[in-house]
Structure formats: structure tokens, C-alpha cells
N, C-alpha and C. Protein backbone atom coordinates (compact mmCIF):
# COMPACT_ATOMS: atom_id res chain seq x y z
N MET A 1 24.03 10.34 -20.79
CA MET A 1 23.81 10.76 -19.47
C MET A 1 24.41 12.27 -19.33
N GLU A 2 23.38 13.24 -19.08
CA GLU A 2 23.82 14.65 -18.94
C GLU A 2 24.40 14.96 -17.54
N PHE A 3 25.31 15.94 -17.57
CA PHE A 3 25.86 16.28 -16.29
C PHE A 3 25.89 17.77 -16.15
N THR A 4 25.64 18.06 -14.89
CA THR A 4 25.50 19.52 -14.67
C THR A 4 26.95 20.08 -14.53
N LEU A 5 27.03 21.52 -14.56
CA LEU A 5 28.43 22.20 -14.70
C LEU A 5 29.13 21.67 -13.28
N ILE A 6 28.63 21.69 -12.08
CA ILE A 6 29.13 21.27 -10.85
C ILE A 6 29.65 19.95 -10.79
N GLN A 7 28.84 19.04 -11.63
CA GLN A 7 29.18 17.58 -11.65
C GLN A 7 30.55 17.41 -12.56
N LYS A 8 30.37 18.25 -13.66
CA LYS A 8 31.68 18.23 -14.54
C LYS A 8 32.92 18.83 -13.87
N ILE A 9 32.62 19.74 -13.01
CA ILE A 9 33.99 20.36 -12.33
C ILE A 9 34.38 19.37 -11.27
N ALA A 10 33.47 18.40 -10.69
CA ALA A 10 33.58 17.34 -9.71
C ALA A 10 34.63 16.25 -10.25
N ILE A 11 33.98 15.95 -11.76
CA ILE A 11 34.60 14.81 -12.31
C ILE A 11 36.18 15.27 -12.63
N TYR A 12 36.35 16.62 -13.14
CA TYR A 12 37.64 16.91 -13.55
C TYR A 12 38.59 17.36 -12.60
N ALA A 13 38.16 17.44 -11.51
CA ALA A 13 38.97 18.18 -10.34
C ALA A 13 40.12 17.21 -9.95
N LEU A 14 39.80 16.05 -9.74
CA LEU A 14 40.85 15.17 -9.64
C LEU A 14 41.92 15.13 -10.47
N PRO A 15 41.94 14.81 -11.70
CA PRO A 15 42.96 14.87 -12.66
C PRO A 15 43.72 16.18 -12.84
N VAL A 16 42.98 17.26 -12.68
CA VAL A 16 43.62 18.56 -12.88
C VAL A 16 44.53 18.90 -11.72
N ILE A 17 43.87 18.75 -10.49
CA ILE A 17 44.81 18.88 -9.37
C ILE A 17 45.95 18.05 -9.19
N PHE A 18 45.77 16.67 -9.52
CA PHE A 18 47.02 15.74 -9.68
C PHE A 18 48.00 16.08 -10.81
N ALA A 19 47.55 16.50 -11.88
CA ALA A 19 48.32 17.03 -12.90
C ALA A 19 49.22 18.05 -12.53
N ILE A 20 48.77 19.07 -11.89
CA ILE A 20 49.40 20.16 -11.52
C ILE A 20 50.44 20.09 -10.32
N THR A 21 49.94 19.18 -9.14
CA THR A 21 50.78 19.17 -8.16
C THR A 21 51.89 18.03 -8.36
N LEU A 22 51.65 17.09 -8.84
CA LEU A 22 52.58 15.92 -9.09
C LEU A 22 53.56 16.59 -9.98
N HIS A 23 53.30 17.42 -11.10
CA HIS A 23 54.39 18.08 -11.91
C HIS A 23 55.17 18.72 -11.00
N GLU A 24 54.78 19.61 -9.78
CA GLU A 24 55.62 20.25 -9.05
C GLU A 24 56.39 19.39 -8.00
N ALA A 25 55.85 18.42 -7.65
CA ALA A 25 56.51 17.43 -6.64
C ALA A 25 57.65 16.60 -7.40
N ALA A 26 57.44 16.46 -8.65
CA ALA A 26 58.32 15.88 -9.57
C ALA A 26 59.83 16.78 -9.59
N HIS A 27 59.68 18.01 -9.60
CA HIS A 27 60.69 18.81 -9.64
C HIS A 27 61.46 18.67 -8.33
N GLY A 28 60.74 18.79 -7.28
CA GLY A 28 61.30 18.61 -5.94
C GLY A 28 62.11 17.45 -5.82
N TYR A 29 61.40 16.12 -6.12
CA TYR A 29 62.10 14.89 -5.78
C TYR A 29 63.29 14.73 -6.80
N ALA A 30 63.43 15.33 -7.98
CA ALA A 30 64.50 15.50 -8.89
C ALA A 30 65.64 16.28 -8.28
N ALA A 31 65.30 17.58 -7.73
CA ALA A 31 66.17 18.40 -7.14
C ALA A 31 66.91 17.63 -6.13
N LEU A 32 66.24 16.77 -5.10
CA LEU A 32 66.78 16.24 -4.07
C LEU A 32 67.74 15.10 -4.54
N ARG A 33 67.31 14.52 -5.66
CA ARG A 33 68.28 13.48 -6.25
C ARG A 33 69.53 14.08 -6.72
N PHE A 34 69.62 15.26 -7.19
CA PHE A 34 70.76 15.94 -7.67
C PHE A 34 71.32 16.86 -6.82
N GLY A 35 71.08 16.81 -5.44
CA GLY A 35 71.81 17.56 -4.42
C GLY A 35 71.00 18.70 -3.68
N ASP A 36 69.82 19.23 -4.02
CA ASP A 36 69.17 20.27 -3.45
C ASP A 36 68.04 19.82 -2.75
N GLY A 37 68.37 19.95 -1.33
CA GLY A 37 67.30 19.67 -0.43
C GLY A 37 66.10 20.76 -0.05
N THR A 38 66.17 21.93 -0.90
CA THR A 38 65.25 23.07 -0.35
C THR A 38 63.88 22.63 -0.17
N ALA A 39 63.45 21.86 -1.17
CA ALA A 39 61.93 21.50 -1.15
C ALA A 39 61.57 20.84 0.19
N ARG A 40 62.55 19.81 0.47
CA ARG A 40 62.26 19.11 1.71
C ARG A 40 62.36 19.77 2.98
N ALA A 41 63.26 20.57 2.99
CA ALA A 41 63.51 21.53 4.04
C ALA A 41 62.28 22.31 4.44
N MET A 42 61.51 22.89 3.53
CA MET A 42 60.33 23.61 3.50
C MET A 42 59.03 22.74 3.40
N GLY A 43 59.24 21.54 3.42
CA GLY A 43 58.01 20.79 3.62
C GLY A 43 57.31 20.66 2.32
N ARG A 44 57.95 20.83 1.19
CA ARG A 44 57.16 20.75 -0.06
C ARG A 44 57.59 19.47 -0.86
N LEU A 45 58.30 18.64 -0.32
CA LEU A 45 58.59 17.40 -0.81
C LEU A 45 57.52 16.38 -0.50
N SER A 46 56.42 16.43 -1.18
CA SER A 46 55.42 15.77 -0.84
C SER A 46 54.32 15.50 -1.86
N LEU A 47 53.64 14.29 -1.93
CA LEU A 47 52.56 14.02 -2.94
C LEU A 47 51.36 14.70 -2.46
N ASN A 48 51.24 15.20 -1.51
CA ASN A 48 49.96 15.82 -0.82
C ASN A 48 49.46 17.01 -1.64
N PRO A 49 48.60 17.02 -2.27
CA PRO A 49 48.07 18.06 -3.20
C PRO A 49 47.94 19.43 -2.30
N LEU A 50 47.50 19.34 -0.89
CA LEU A 50 47.34 20.43 -0.33
C LEU A 50 48.39 21.15 0.04
N ARG A 51 49.61 20.57 -0.16
CA ARG A 51 50.94 21.33 0.16
C ARG A 51 51.28 22.33 -1.22
N HIS A 52 50.57 21.92 -2.31
CA HIS A 52 51.10 22.47 -3.63
C HIS A 52 49.85 23.35 -4.35
N VAL A 53 48.78 23.20 -3.61
CA VAL A 53 47.53 23.88 -4.48
C VAL A 53 47.75 25.33 -4.38
N ASP A 54 47.47 26.16 -5.50
CA ASP A 54 47.53 27.45 -5.42
C ASP A 54 45.81 27.83 -5.77
N PRO A 55 45.16 28.54 -4.71
CA PRO A 55 43.76 28.80 -4.95
C PRO A 55 43.29 29.24 -6.34
N ILE A 56 44.26 30.10 -6.81
CA ILE A 56 43.71 30.74 -8.21
C ILE A 56 44.28 29.72 -9.32
N GLY A 57 45.62 29.37 -9.34
CA GLY A 57 46.08 28.61 -10.53
C GLY A 57 45.61 27.08 -10.53
N THR A 58 45.23 26.57 -9.44
CA THR A 58 44.95 25.17 -9.39
C THR A 58 43.44 25.05 -9.23
N LEU A 59 42.76 25.98 -8.87
CA LEU A 59 41.27 25.82 -8.68
C LEU A 59 40.58 26.75 -9.59
N LEU A 60 40.70 28.09 -9.46
CA LEU A 60 39.85 28.86 -10.24
C LEU A 60 40.06 28.95 -11.55
N VAL A 61 41.43 29.14 -12.06
CA VAL A 61 41.57 29.20 -13.43
C VAL A 61 41.15 27.88 -14.28
N PRO A 62 41.55 26.86 -13.75
CA PRO A 62 40.77 25.56 -14.52
C PRO A 62 39.47 25.57 -14.57
N ALA A 63 38.84 26.00 -13.47
CA ALA A 63 37.31 26.12 -13.42
C ALA A 63 36.93 26.96 -14.74
N LEU A 64 37.41 28.04 -14.56
CA LEU A 64 36.92 29.28 -15.53
C LEU A 64 37.24 28.87 -17.03
N ALA A 65 38.21 28.04 -17.18
CA ALA A 65 38.58 27.48 -18.50
C ALA A 65 37.63 26.56 -18.94
N MET A 66 37.09 25.74 -18.13
CA MET A 66 36.22 24.85 -18.12
C MET A 66 34.71 25.58 -18.71
N VAL A 67 34.58 26.44 -17.88
CA VAL A 67 33.10 27.16 -17.98
C VAL A 67 33.41 28.00 -19.43
N LEU A 68 34.30 28.73 -19.67
CA LEU A 68 34.64 29.49 -20.73
C LEU A 68 34.88 28.69 -22.21
N GLY A 69 35.39 27.55 -21.78
CA GLY A 69 35.68 26.75 -23.19
C GLY A 69 36.95 26.93 -23.61
N GLY A 70 38.03 27.60 -22.79
CA GLY A 70 39.43 27.81 -23.39
C GLY A 70 40.36 26.79 -22.91
N ILE A 71 41.72 26.90 -23.31
CA ILE A 71 42.51 25.91 -22.79
C ILE A 71 42.41 25.47 -21.28
N LEU A 72 42.40 24.12 -21.15
CA LEU A 72 42.17 23.65 -19.66
C LEU A 72 43.59 23.68 -19.10
N PHE A 73 44.10 24.66 -18.42
CA PHE A 73 45.41 24.50 -17.78
C PHE A 73 45.27 25.31 -16.63
N GLY A 74 46.33 25.20 -15.70
CA GLY A 74 46.62 25.95 -14.55
C GLY A 74 48.05 25.61 -13.95
N TRP A 75 48.13 26.28 -12.74
CA TRP A 75 49.54 25.99 -11.95
C TRP A 75 49.33 25.64 -10.61
N ALA A 76 50.42 25.23 -10.12
CA ALA A 76 50.40 25.24 -8.65
C ALA A 76 51.67 25.93 -7.95
N LYS A 77 51.71 26.00 -6.84
CA LYS A 77 52.69 26.90 -6.06
C LYS A 77 54.06 26.23 -6.47
N PRO A 78 55.01 26.85 -7.05
CA PRO A 78 56.39 26.38 -7.79
C PRO A 78 57.10 25.88 -6.35
N VAL A 79 57.38 24.67 -6.59
CA VAL A 79 58.46 23.89 -5.72
C VAL A 79 59.82 24.77 -5.58
N PRO A 80 60.18 25.26 -4.43
CA PRO A 80 61.43 25.93 -4.46
C PRO A 80 62.76 25.05 -4.80
N VAL A 81 63.55 25.38 -5.88
CA VAL A 81 64.57 24.80 -6.14
C VAL A 81 65.82 25.79 -6.36
N ASP A 82 66.86 25.47 -5.43
CA ASP A 82 68.06 26.37 -5.37
C ASP A 82 69.27 25.70 -6.45
N PHE A 83 69.06 26.22 -7.65
CA PHE A 83 69.74 25.52 -8.65
C PHE A 83 71.51 25.64 -8.31
N ARG A 84 72.07 26.44 -7.39
CA ARG A 84 73.31 26.72 -6.90
C ARG A 84 73.68 25.41 -6.06
N ARG A 85 72.65 24.69 -5.47
CA ARG A 85 72.99 23.68 -4.49
C ARG A 85 73.09 22.26 -5.28
N LEU A 86 72.76 22.31 -6.48
CA LEU A 86 72.96 21.17 -7.30
C LEU A 86 74.36 20.85 -7.41
N ARG A 87 74.69 19.29 -7.60
CA ARG A 87 76.00 19.01 -7.76
C ARG A 87 76.65 19.48 -9.06
N HIS A 88 75.86 19.54 -10.14
CA HIS A 88 76.34 20.14 -11.45
C HIS A 88 75.34 21.15 -11.93
N PRO A 89 75.31 22.37 -11.42
CA PRO A 89 74.10 23.16 -11.60
C PRO A 89 73.47 23.28 -12.83
N ARG A 90 74.25 23.52 -14.14
CA ARG A 90 73.96 23.56 -15.36
C ARG A 90 73.41 22.29 -16.00
N GLN A 91 74.06 21.18 -15.75
CA GLN A 91 73.79 19.90 -16.29
C GLN A 91 72.39 19.57 -15.55
N ASP A 92 72.58 19.51 -14.14
CA ASP A 92 71.48 18.88 -13.40
C ASP A 92 70.05 19.82 -13.59
N MET A 93 70.13 21.03 -13.82
CA MET A 93 68.99 21.96 -13.97
C MET A 93 68.22 21.24 -15.02
N VAL A 94 68.74 20.71 -16.20
CA VAL A 94 68.09 19.94 -17.34
C VAL A 94 67.17 18.94 -16.93
N TRP A 95 67.77 18.01 -15.98
CA TRP A 95 66.98 16.86 -15.35
C TRP A 95 65.96 17.24 -14.62
N VAL A 96 66.15 18.25 -13.56
CA VAL A 96 64.99 19.00 -12.73
C VAL A 96 63.99 19.49 -13.32
N ALA A 97 64.34 20.32 -14.33
CA ALA A 97 63.23 21.10 -15.35
C ALA A 97 62.33 19.88 -16.01
N ALA A 98 63.11 18.84 -16.51
CA ALA A 98 62.44 17.81 -17.53
C ALA A 98 61.53 16.96 -16.63
N ALA A 99 61.85 16.90 -15.28
CA ALA A 99 61.13 16.00 -14.34
C ALA A 99 59.54 16.27 -14.43
N GLY A 100 59.14 17.50 -14.29
CA GLY A 100 57.90 18.09 -14.28
C GLY A 100 57.06 17.51 -15.57
N PRO A 101 57.43 17.84 -16.72
CA PRO A 101 56.79 17.35 -18.17
C PRO A 101 56.91 15.85 -18.04
N ALA A 102 57.94 15.32 -17.64
CA ALA A 102 57.83 13.67 -17.68
C ALA A 102 56.89 13.21 -16.78
N ALA A 103 56.75 13.87 -15.80
CA ALA A 103 55.35 13.31 -14.81
C ALA A 103 54.10 13.36 -15.53
N ASN A 104 53.78 14.47 -16.07
CA ASN A 104 52.76 14.89 -16.98
C ASN A 104 52.48 13.46 -18.10
N LEU A 105 53.52 13.26 -18.62
CA LEU A 105 53.68 12.31 -19.64
C LEU A 105 53.33 10.75 -18.90
N VAL A 106 53.83 10.62 -17.85
CA VAL A 106 53.22 9.30 -17.01
C VAL A 106 51.75 9.31 -16.81
N MET A 107 51.37 10.59 -16.14
CA MET A 107 50.06 10.50 -15.72
C MET A 107 49.07 10.58 -16.89
N ALA A 108 49.59 11.09 -18.16
CA ALA A 108 48.61 11.01 -19.42
C ALA A 108 48.66 9.50 -19.80
N ILE A 109 49.55 8.74 -19.65
CA ILE A 109 49.64 7.38 -19.88
C ILE A 109 48.72 6.59 -19.10
N PHE A 110 48.82 6.92 -17.65
CA PHE A 110 47.76 6.39 -16.83
C PHE A 110 46.37 6.82 -17.01
N TRP A 111 46.09 7.92 -17.32
CA TRP A 111 44.67 8.14 -17.51
C TRP A 111 44.34 7.51 -19.11
N GLY A 112 45.12 7.16 -19.83
CA GLY A 112 45.02 6.58 -21.17
C GLY A 112 44.52 5.18 -20.79
N LEU A 113 45.21 4.49 -19.76
CA LEU A 113 44.87 3.24 -19.42
C LEU A 113 43.41 3.05 -18.80
N MET A 114 43.08 4.21 -18.00
CA MET A 114 41.91 4.37 -17.45
C MET A 114 40.59 4.40 -18.59
N LEU A 115 41.11 5.17 -19.51
CA LEU A 115 39.92 5.39 -20.53
C LEU A 115 39.75 4.02 -21.17
N LYS A 116 40.79 3.30 -21.49
CA LYS A 116 40.61 1.92 -22.04
C LYS A 116 39.64 1.08 -21.14
N LEU A 117 39.83 1.30 -19.71
CA LEU A 117 39.05 0.39 -18.67
C LEU A 117 37.58 0.90 -18.90
N ALA A 118 37.49 2.34 -19.13
CA ALA A 118 36.05 2.73 -19.08
C ALA A 118 35.35 2.43 -20.33
N VAL A 119 36.11 2.34 -21.45
CA VAL A 119 35.49 1.83 -22.66
C VAL A 119 35.25 0.41 -22.74
N GLY A 120 36.08 -0.42 -22.35
CA GLY A 120 36.16 -1.75 -22.60
C GLY A 120 35.48 -2.84 -21.41
N VAL A 121 35.42 -2.00 -20.28
CA VAL A 121 34.72 -2.99 -19.33
C VAL A 121 33.47 -2.38 -18.70
N ASP A 122 32.38 -3.10 -18.76
CA ASP A 122 31.12 -2.65 -18.05
C ASP A 122 31.21 -2.31 -16.49
N LEU A 123 31.21 -1.24 -16.27
CA LEU A 123 31.00 -0.78 -14.87
C LEU A 123 29.87 0.03 -14.43
N GLY A 124 28.91 -0.20 -15.17
CA GLY A 124 27.64 0.22 -14.83
C GLY A 124 27.55 1.80 -14.88
N ASP A 125 27.02 2.51 -14.01
CA ASP A 125 26.84 3.91 -14.00
C ASP A 125 28.28 4.56 -13.89
N TYR A 126 29.37 4.07 -13.60
CA TYR A 126 30.48 4.65 -13.46
C TYR A 126 31.36 4.64 -14.78
N ASN A 127 30.92 4.03 -15.80
CA ASN A 127 31.60 4.05 -17.17
C ASN A 127 31.78 5.35 -17.66
N THR A 128 30.58 6.32 -17.66
CA THR A 128 30.67 7.59 -18.31
C THR A 128 31.53 8.55 -17.35
N PRO A 129 31.28 8.62 -16.10
CA PRO A 129 32.22 9.64 -15.24
C PRO A 129 33.84 9.17 -15.31
N LEU A 130 33.92 7.88 -15.22
CA LEU A 130 35.35 7.45 -15.55
C LEU A 130 35.93 8.01 -16.86
N ARG A 131 35.04 7.66 -17.82
CA ARG A 131 35.62 8.08 -19.09
C ARG A 131 35.78 9.50 -19.37
N MET A 132 34.89 10.34 -18.75
CA MET A 132 35.24 11.74 -18.79
C MET A 132 36.38 12.27 -18.06
N MET A 133 36.53 11.63 -16.83
CA MET A 133 37.67 11.80 -15.81
C MET A 133 38.82 11.70 -16.62
N ALA A 134 39.07 10.32 -17.39
CA ALA A 134 40.14 10.00 -18.12
C ALA A 134 40.32 10.89 -19.27
N GLU A 135 39.54 11.32 -19.97
CA GLU A 135 39.62 12.21 -21.16
C GLU A 135 40.14 13.43 -20.60
N GLY A 136 39.68 14.00 -19.38
CA GLY A 136 40.27 15.38 -18.71
C GLY A 136 41.60 15.17 -18.37
N GLY A 137 41.98 13.86 -17.74
CA GLY A 137 43.06 13.80 -17.24
C GLY A 137 44.15 13.73 -18.39
N ILE A 138 43.84 12.95 -19.54
CA ILE A 138 44.80 12.86 -20.76
C ILE A 138 44.93 14.43 -21.11
N LEU A 139 43.75 15.10 -21.51
CA LEU A 139 44.03 16.44 -22.21
C LEU A 139 44.78 17.44 -21.15
N ILE A 140 44.54 17.55 -19.95
CA ILE A 140 45.15 18.35 -19.15
C ILE A 140 46.82 18.12 -19.05
N ASN A 141 47.10 16.88 -18.74
CA ASN A 141 48.46 16.45 -18.93
C ASN A 141 49.23 16.73 -20.31
N ALA A 142 48.34 16.78 -21.35
CA ALA A 142 48.98 16.89 -22.55
C ALA A 142 49.36 18.28 -22.71
N VAL A 143 48.34 19.05 -22.31
CA VAL A 143 48.39 20.67 -22.57
C VAL A 143 49.73 21.09 -21.36
N LEU A 144 49.69 20.66 -20.27
CA LEU A 144 50.74 21.05 -19.19
C LEU A 144 52.04 20.51 -19.75
N MET A 145 52.06 19.62 -20.26
CA MET A 145 53.37 19.02 -20.79
C MET A 145 53.75 19.83 -22.08
N ALA A 146 52.89 20.20 -22.96
CA ALA A 146 53.28 21.14 -24.19
C ALA A 146 53.62 22.47 -23.70
N LEU A 147 52.79 23.04 -22.72
CA LEU A 147 53.09 24.43 -22.29
C LEU A 147 54.19 24.56 -21.50
N ASN A 148 54.78 23.64 -20.73
CA ASN A 148 55.97 23.68 -19.94
C ASN A 148 57.20 23.56 -20.74
N LEU A 149 56.95 22.92 -21.92
CA LEU A 149 58.19 22.55 -22.81
C LEU A 149 58.18 23.81 -23.77
N LEU A 150 57.65 24.66 -23.58
CA LEU A 150 57.92 25.93 -24.38
C LEU A 150 59.30 26.61 -24.11
N PRO A 151 59.97 26.87 -24.96
CA PRO A 151 61.37 27.31 -24.60
C PRO A 151 61.60 28.70 -24.09
N LEU A 152 60.71 28.97 -23.06
CA LEU A 152 60.57 30.40 -22.51
C LEU A 152 60.83 30.25 -21.02
N PRO A 153 61.89 30.89 -20.52
CA PRO A 153 62.17 30.82 -19.00
C PRO A 153 61.12 31.75 -18.41
N PRO A 154 60.48 31.32 -17.37
CA PRO A 154 60.76 30.23 -16.36
C PRO A 154 60.19 29.20 -16.59
N LEU A 155 59.62 28.82 -17.63
CA LEU A 155 59.14 27.54 -18.02
C LEU A 155 59.97 26.48 -17.89
N ASP A 156 59.71 25.25 -17.97
CA ASP A 156 60.60 23.93 -17.86
C ASP A 156 61.40 23.96 -19.13
N GLY A 157 60.82 24.27 -20.32
CA GLY A 157 61.50 24.21 -21.55
C GLY A 157 62.45 25.23 -21.65
N GLY A 158 62.26 26.46 -21.04
CA GLY A 158 63.25 27.51 -21.16
C GLY A 158 64.39 27.15 -20.30
N ARG A 159 64.17 26.46 -19.16
CA ARG A 159 65.42 26.12 -18.25
C ARG A 159 66.06 24.85 -19.05
N ILE A 160 65.35 23.90 -19.69
CA ILE A 160 66.03 22.98 -20.36
C ILE A 160 67.10 23.52 -21.46
N ALA A 161 66.46 24.38 -22.19
CA ALA A 161 67.01 25.21 -23.32
C ALA A 161 68.24 25.85 -22.74
N VAL A 162 68.31 26.62 -21.57
CA VAL A 162 69.42 27.40 -20.93
C VAL A 162 70.60 26.33 -20.66
N GLY A 163 70.08 25.16 -20.28
CA GLY A 163 71.04 24.13 -19.73
C GLY A 163 71.87 23.49 -20.95
N LEU A 164 71.21 23.43 -21.98
CA LEU A 164 71.65 22.73 -23.24
C LEU A 164 72.53 23.57 -24.21
N LEU A 165 72.02 24.92 -24.39
CA LEU A 165 72.39 25.69 -25.45
C LEU A 165 73.89 26.30 -25.20
N PRO A 166 74.52 26.61 -26.05
CA PRO A 166 76.09 27.27 -25.69
C PRO A 166 75.83 28.63 -25.11
N ASP A 167 76.75 29.05 -24.38
CA ASP A 167 76.66 30.18 -23.25
C ASP A 167 76.20 31.53 -24.43
N SER A 168 76.51 31.66 -25.60
CA SER A 168 76.33 32.70 -26.39
C SER A 168 74.86 32.76 -26.68
N LEU A 169 74.02 31.69 -26.26
CA LEU A 169 72.73 31.56 -26.62
C LEU A 169 71.90 31.55 -25.24
N ALA A 170 72.54 30.66 -24.33
CA ALA A 170 71.88 30.53 -23.22
C ALA A 170 71.91 31.72 -22.28
N ILE A 171 72.80 32.47 -22.15
CA ILE A 171 72.84 33.56 -21.34
C ILE A 171 71.74 34.71 -21.87
N PRO A 172 71.69 35.00 -23.12
CA PRO A 172 70.57 36.06 -23.28
C PRO A 172 69.18 35.31 -23.17
N LEU A 173 69.11 34.10 -23.35
CA LEU A 173 67.74 33.42 -23.01
C LEU A 173 67.51 33.43 -21.60
N ALA A 174 68.46 33.18 -20.75
CA ALA A 174 68.25 33.44 -19.30
C ALA A 174 67.86 34.69 -18.80
N ARG A 175 68.15 35.58 -19.49
CA ARG A 175 67.91 37.07 -19.18
C ARG A 175 66.43 37.41 -19.42
N ILE A 176 65.74 36.48 -20.09
CA ILE A 176 64.11 36.76 -20.19
C ILE A 176 63.43 36.26 -19.30
N GLU A 177 63.93 35.32 -18.16
CA GLU A 177 63.25 34.95 -17.18
C GLU A 177 62.37 35.66 -16.47
N PRO A 178 62.70 37.11 -15.89
CA PRO A 178 61.98 38.01 -15.31
C PRO A 178 60.73 38.41 -16.04
N TYR A 179 60.86 38.35 -17.38
CA TYR A 179 59.56 39.03 -18.17
C TYR A 179 58.89 37.71 -18.90
N GLY A 180 59.18 36.60 -18.71
CA GLY A 180 58.65 35.41 -19.06
C GLY A 180 57.10 35.35 -18.87
N LEU A 181 56.76 35.51 -17.63
CA LEU A 181 55.24 35.43 -17.48
C LEU A 181 54.34 36.31 -18.30
N PHE A 182 54.96 37.59 -18.47
CA PHE A 182 54.30 38.67 -19.33
C PHE A 182 54.35 38.20 -20.79
N VAL A 183 55.46 37.65 -21.27
CA VAL A 183 55.57 37.21 -22.55
C VAL A 183 54.47 36.09 -22.81
N LEU A 184 54.22 35.17 -21.74
CA LEU A 184 53.37 34.13 -21.90
C LEU A 184 51.84 34.63 -21.96
N ILE A 185 51.59 35.66 -21.15
CA ILE A 185 50.29 36.30 -21.16
C ILE A 185 49.99 36.99 -22.39
N ALA A 186 50.91 37.49 -22.87
CA ALA A 186 50.88 38.39 -24.16
C ALA A 186 50.52 37.35 -25.45
N LEU A 187 51.11 36.39 -25.23
CA LEU A 187 50.91 34.99 -26.20
C LEU A 187 49.52 34.61 -26.17
N LEU A 188 49.01 34.31 -24.83
CA LEU A 188 47.71 34.03 -24.66
C LEU A 188 46.63 34.99 -25.22
N LEU A 189 46.86 36.16 -24.86
CA LEU A 189 45.67 37.17 -25.19
C LEU A 189 45.88 37.52 -26.69
N THR A 190 46.86 37.26 -27.42
CA THR A 190 46.96 37.36 -28.92
C THR A 190 46.40 36.27 -29.70
N GLY A 191 46.24 35.07 -28.90
CA GLY A 191 45.84 33.83 -29.68
C GLY A 191 47.10 33.10 -30.30
N VAL A 192 48.41 33.60 -30.03
CA VAL A 192 49.43 32.78 -30.59
C VAL A 192 49.75 31.64 -29.96
N LEU A 193 49.62 31.55 -28.48
CA LEU A 193 49.57 30.62 -27.58
C LEU A 193 48.89 29.35 -27.93
N ASN A 194 47.60 29.46 -28.41
CA ASN A 194 46.79 28.57 -28.89
C ASN A 194 47.22 27.78 -30.20
N GLN A 195 47.62 28.84 -31.01
CA GLN A 195 48.22 28.21 -32.30
C GLN A 195 49.61 27.37 -32.16
N VAL A 196 50.34 27.74 -31.10
CA VAL A 196 51.61 27.01 -30.93
C VAL A 196 51.24 25.54 -30.07
N LEU A 197 50.41 25.79 -29.28
CA LEU A 197 50.22 24.58 -28.39
C LEU A 197 49.34 23.63 -29.08
N GLY A 198 48.40 24.04 -29.97
CA GLY A 198 47.34 23.09 -30.74
C GLY A 198 48.31 21.94 -31.33
N PRO A 199 49.35 22.32 -32.24
CA PRO A 199 50.05 21.12 -32.86
C PRO A 199 50.84 20.24 -31.86
N ALA A 200 51.31 20.99 -30.74
CA ALA A 200 52.33 20.27 -29.77
C ALA A 200 51.13 19.37 -28.95
N VAL A 201 50.02 19.71 -28.76
CA VAL A 201 49.03 18.93 -27.77
C VAL A 201 48.71 17.64 -28.78
N SER A 202 48.66 18.08 -30.17
CA SER A 202 48.01 16.87 -30.92
C SER A 202 49.05 15.86 -31.19
N GLY A 203 50.41 16.29 -31.07
CA GLY A 203 51.46 15.41 -31.23
C GLY A 203 51.61 14.61 -30.14
N ILE A 204 51.43 15.18 -29.05
CA ILE A 204 51.54 14.27 -27.58
C ILE A 204 50.53 13.31 -27.68
N LEU A 205 49.15 13.58 -28.01
CA LEU A 205 47.92 12.76 -28.04
C LEU A 205 48.19 11.83 -29.07
N SER A 206 48.97 12.06 -30.06
CA SER A 206 49.20 11.05 -31.11
C SER A 206 50.17 9.85 -30.81
N LEU A 207 51.18 10.58 -29.87
CA LEU A 207 52.19 9.77 -29.23
C LEU A 207 51.52 8.77 -28.36
N LEU A 208 50.57 9.23 -27.51
CA LEU A 208 49.90 8.51 -26.41
C LEU A 208 49.09 7.38 -27.35
N SER A 209 48.44 7.55 -28.18
CA SER A 209 47.72 6.68 -29.05
C SER A 209 48.69 5.61 -29.47
N PHE A 210 49.89 6.02 -29.82
CA PHE A 210 50.78 4.79 -30.28
C PHE A 210 51.34 4.00 -29.23
N LEU A 211 51.34 4.73 -27.89
CA LEU A 211 51.93 4.00 -26.87
C LEU A 211 50.96 2.94 -26.10
N LEU A 212 49.64 3.54 -26.31
CA LEU A 212 48.59 2.78 -25.69
C LEU A 212 47.78 1.73 -26.78
């Protein structure tokens, strides 16, 4: 069965939107659990994708990546977290940061189960769309998990590293945060990001194969 570009975008839209927005919502729920209600006060503690969608990062960038054949990734509007309001700021920051990638792992497992359903059960005309949607869901969540676990502030991995490393290493790493996005763009443009993410994504996919 052949699909047009519009049909492919429609099939991948659901897993992409939920992968990005649930990642952010997980940060908000974790922050609330550890004492910071900023996201709730600002109406961002929600599973409604419309509250988290960034027109460029959630819609345009993934669509362009699909068209151009690059890494399928994107971002949502960051959920506001005031780390100073956490009960144990440095310790709790690790859990709040880890909540996003953990949500992506859970969603990747869910889409893995959907892939098993699409392959193993006769659903008629729905088998191929569900298989493609599941494959897209697995890939986008694996990529987002790997990307966000890079030890580069303000990515989740950078904040996890800052929370775990001794001060002699954590303080210099934290100072990189204002420039982290520029470093990430440079890595993307030079192709280094692909080289780093490739093995990481493959490892996550292998883990999913083992779990499922």
C-alpha cells in the first residue's frame, strides 16, 4: 500500500505530538511531586497536547525532517520548573529531569506493543497504517530519549549530570546552559550529533527488543 506525503504526515502526527508533549508534561508532574507547583499554576500541568505544542518545534520541524529524510525529532514549549522551589533542589532536579526521557521510554514500549498488534493480528486495512504509526512512535521516542540524555545543559542529561557530579565538575557544566542550544545546533550542522545519537538510538531499540 502506497501512501502520499500528506498521509504519512497524518500517520506520524499522533506519535510525534504525544512523544514531545508527554515528555514535557512528565517534567511538570515530577516537579509537582517534589514541591514545585509552577507548571500547575501556569496551566501547563496537563496531558492536553494543545497546551504544550510549539508550532515550529512540534509541527514544522518534524514535518521537515520527514520530508528531507533527517533525524525525526522536535520539541514542545518547555514546562516551567522553578528548581529553587523543590524540597531538595539538587537531588530532586535529577528526578525531574529524568522524568521526560522516562516518559519517552514508556511510550516507546507502548508503540512496541502496538507494532506487535499490527503484525500479529489481522486488522484489515488498518494493519499498515498502525504498523507505520507504531514504527514512527518507537523511533521518535527513542530519538528524543537519546537526545535529551546527552550530558549538555539545558538538555535533561545535562541537568542530571549537574545534579550527580561533584561541585568541581557540576558548576562548570552548569555554566554551559546559556550556550547549550548553540552547541547542539553546531553538533547538528557538523554531523557529529548524528554520529553520537546513532549508537544511542540503536542501543535503546535493542533494549526495547529485549523488553518486548
